[in-house]
């Protein structure tokens, strides 16, 4: 049996490791936020986990039966000192779209953002639940 010695990582592989650059650069990853969808008799509720975002960075659009929730964040930092200059920038975005069922009252959709959770309430239209009884004549 031939065994290989475990190779130690070289200085160069560690040099470009994320942990090496962490103190120097801020990186944001573009990811799709997690969503929970709940339904009861009166409404659907969407809860999106978007921690660290500001309310002004979030956008909700309704186009026909498509509800689109999106965000775009841009950030630039510049630091000048006697012996060096550092300039950083970051960018993150996401876009999620949902096809709405026909029974949504589109005029009464509401949204709230608190503690990193965007909650969108989609009220259902009241359906006429009265049953019609009649006798049908056979011809």
Protein backbone atom coordinates (compact mmCIF):
# COMPACT_ATOMS: atom_id res chain seq x y z
CA UNK A 1 0.00 0.00 0.00
CA UNK A 2 1.30 3.41 -0.94
CA UNK A 3 0.51 6.28 1.38
CA UNK A 4 0.90 9.91 0.54
CA UNK A 5 2.07 12.44 2.97
CA UNK A 6 -0.41 15.20 3.54
CA UNK A 7 0.78 18.22 1.65
CA UNK A 8 1.06 21.44 3.54
CA UNK A 9 -0.43 24.42 1.80
CA UNK A 10 2.15 26.70 0.29
CA UNK A 11 2.56 30.32 1.19
CA UNK A 12 1.03 31.30 -2.16
CA UNK A 13 -2.14 29.29 -1.65
CA UNK A 14 -2.61 30.93 1.76
CA UNK A 15 -1.82 34.35 0.38
CA UNK A 16 -4.93 34.36 -1.80
CA UNK A 17 -7.17 32.73 0.79
CA UNK A 18 -10.25 34.78 1.81
CA UNK A 19 -9.05 34.89 5.42
CA UNK A 20 -5.90 36.71 4.35
CA UNK A 21 -7.81 39.50 2.61
CA UNK A 22 -10.65 39.73 5.13
CA UNK A 23 -9.17 42.64 7.10
CA UNK A 24 -8.47 44.57 3.89
CA UNK A 25 -11.52 44.04 1.73
CA UNK A 26 -15.23 43.90 2.35
CA UNK A 27 -16.98 41.47 0.06
CA UNK A 28 -20.70 40.99 -0.36
CA UNK A 29 -22.03 37.96 -2.07
CA UNK A 30 -25.10 38.12 -4.23
CA UNK A 31 -27.47 35.50 -2.91
CA UNK A 32 -31.14 34.85 -3.24
CA UNK A 33 -32.90 35.61 0.05
CA UNK A 34 -34.78 32.81 1.74
CA UNK A 35 -38.57 33.14 1.66
CA UNK A 36 -41.35 31.59 3.70
CA UNK A 37 -44.88 31.59 2.27
CA UNK A 38 -47.85 31.16 4.58
CA UNK A 39 -51.54 30.94 3.70
CA UNK A 40 -54.69 31.21 5.74
CA UNK A 41 -58.33 31.84 4.82
CA UNK A 42 -57.85 35.59 4.39
CA UNK A 43 -54.34 36.07 3.02
CA UNK A 44 -50.95 34.86 1.80
CA UNK A 45 -47.90 36.16 3.67
CA UNK A 46 -44.37 36.27 2.23
CA UNK A 47 -41.46 36.63 4.66
CA UNK A 48 -38.09 37.35 3.03
CA UNK A 49 -34.89 37.23 5.07
CA UNK A 50 -32.89 40.29 3.99
CA UNK A 51 -30.73 41.16 7.02
CA UNK A 52 -28.43 44.15 6.85
CA UNK A 53 -30.41 45.88 4.13
CA UNK A 54 -31.93 49.28 4.44
CA UNK A 55 -35.62 49.82 3.70
CA UNK A 56 -34.72 52.33 0.96
CA UNK A 57 -32.72 49.63 -0.89
CA UNK A 58 -35.75 47.34 -1.26
CA UNK A 59 -38.21 47.66 -4.13
CA UNK A 60 -41.54 45.89 -4.70
CA UNK A 61 -43.27 46.02 -8.09
CA UNK A 62 -46.57 44.58 -9.24
CA UNK A 63 -47.01 44.01 -12.96
CA UNK A 64 -50.20 42.16 -13.90
CA UNK A 65 -50.05 38.97 -11.81
CA UNK A 66 -46.29 39.08 -11.13
CA UNK A 67 -44.98 40.45 -7.83
CA UNK A 68 -41.26 41.29 -8.01
CA UNK A 69 -39.11 42.04 -4.98
CA UNK A 70 -35.63 43.35 -5.67
CA UNK A 71 -32.73 45.16 -4.10
CA UNK A 72 -29.53 46.82 -5.24
CA UNK A 73 -26.81 48.08 -2.92
CA UNK A 74 -23.66 49.92 -3.88
CA UNK A 75 -21.05 51.05 -1.40
CA UNK A 76 -17.75 52.89 -1.84
CA UNK A 77 -15.15 53.66 0.80
CA UNK A 78 -11.97 55.63 0.43
CA UNK A 79 -9.23 56.05 3.01
CA UNK A 80 -6.25 58.35 2.59
CA UNK A 81 -3.26 58.29 4.90
CA UNK A 82 0.25 59.65 4.64
CA UNK A 83 1.78 56.40 3.42
CA UNK A 84 -1.06 54.77 1.48
CA UNK A 85 -4.43 55.17 -0.18
CA UNK A 86 -7.16 52.53 -0.06
CA UNK A 87 -10.33 52.51 -2.09
CA UNK A 88 -12.96 49.79 -1.81
CA UNK A 89 -16.33 49.21 -3.36
CA UNK A 90 -18.97 46.54 -3.10
CA UNK A 91 -22.15 45.70 -4.95
CA UNK A 92 -24.97 43.29 -4.19
CA UNK A 93 -28.36 42.68 -5.71
CA UNK A 94 -31.19 40.20 -5.93
CA UNK A 95 -34.51 39.88 -7.71
CA UNK A 96 -37.32 37.45 -6.87
CA UNK A 97 -40.60 37.19 -8.74
CA UNK A 98 -43.80 35.46 -7.69
CA UNK A 99 -46.83 34.58 -9.83
CA UNK A 100 -49.90 35.62 -7.88
CA UNK A 101 -53.10 33.58 -7.84
CA UNK A 102 -56.21 35.16 -9.32
CA UNK A 103 -57.93 35.64 -5.97
CA UNK A 104 -55.45 38.27 -4.63
CA UNK A 105 -56.84 41.75 -3.93
CA UNK A 106 -54.02 43.68 -5.61
CA UNK A 107 -55.21 47.06 -4.30
CA UNK A 108 -54.66 46.02 -0.68
CA UNK A 109 -51.17 44.47 -0.80
CA UNK A 110 -49.05 45.74 2.11
CA UNK A 111 -45.36 45.44 3.03
CA UNK A 112 -43.40 45.92 6.24
CA UNK A 113 -39.67 45.72 6.99
CA UNK A 114 -38.50 45.02 10.53
CA UNK A 115 -35.43 43.34 12.03
CA UNK A 116 -34.12 42.10 8.67
CA UNK A 117 -37.41 40.51 7.60
CA UNK A 118 -39.48 41.92 4.73
CA UNK A 119 -43.11 40.85 5.18
CA UNK A 120 -45.52 41.19 2.26
CA UNK A 121 -49.22 40.56 2.95
CA UNK A 122 -51.35 39.53 -0.03
CA UNK A 123 -55.03 39.64 1.00
CA UNK A 124 -57.43 37.37 -0.76
CA UNK A 125 -60.55 38.79 -2.39
CA UNK A 126 -63.75 37.78 -0.69
CA UNK A 127 -65.38 35.12 -2.75
CA UNK A 128 -69.15 34.88 -2.80
CA UNK A 129 -69.73 31.89 -0.58
CA UNK A 130 -73.52 31.93 -0.84
CA UNK A 131 -74.83 28.83 -2.47
CA UNK A 132 -77.49 29.06 -5.06
CA UNK A 133 -80.27 26.50 -4.91
CA UNK A 134 -82.64 25.97 -7.73
CA UNK A 135 -84.36 23.24 -9.60
CA UNK A 136 -83.34 22.65 -13.14
CA UNK A 137 -86.11 21.79 -15.57
CA UNK A 138 -85.41 18.94 -17.92
CA UNK A 139 -86.47 19.54 -21.49
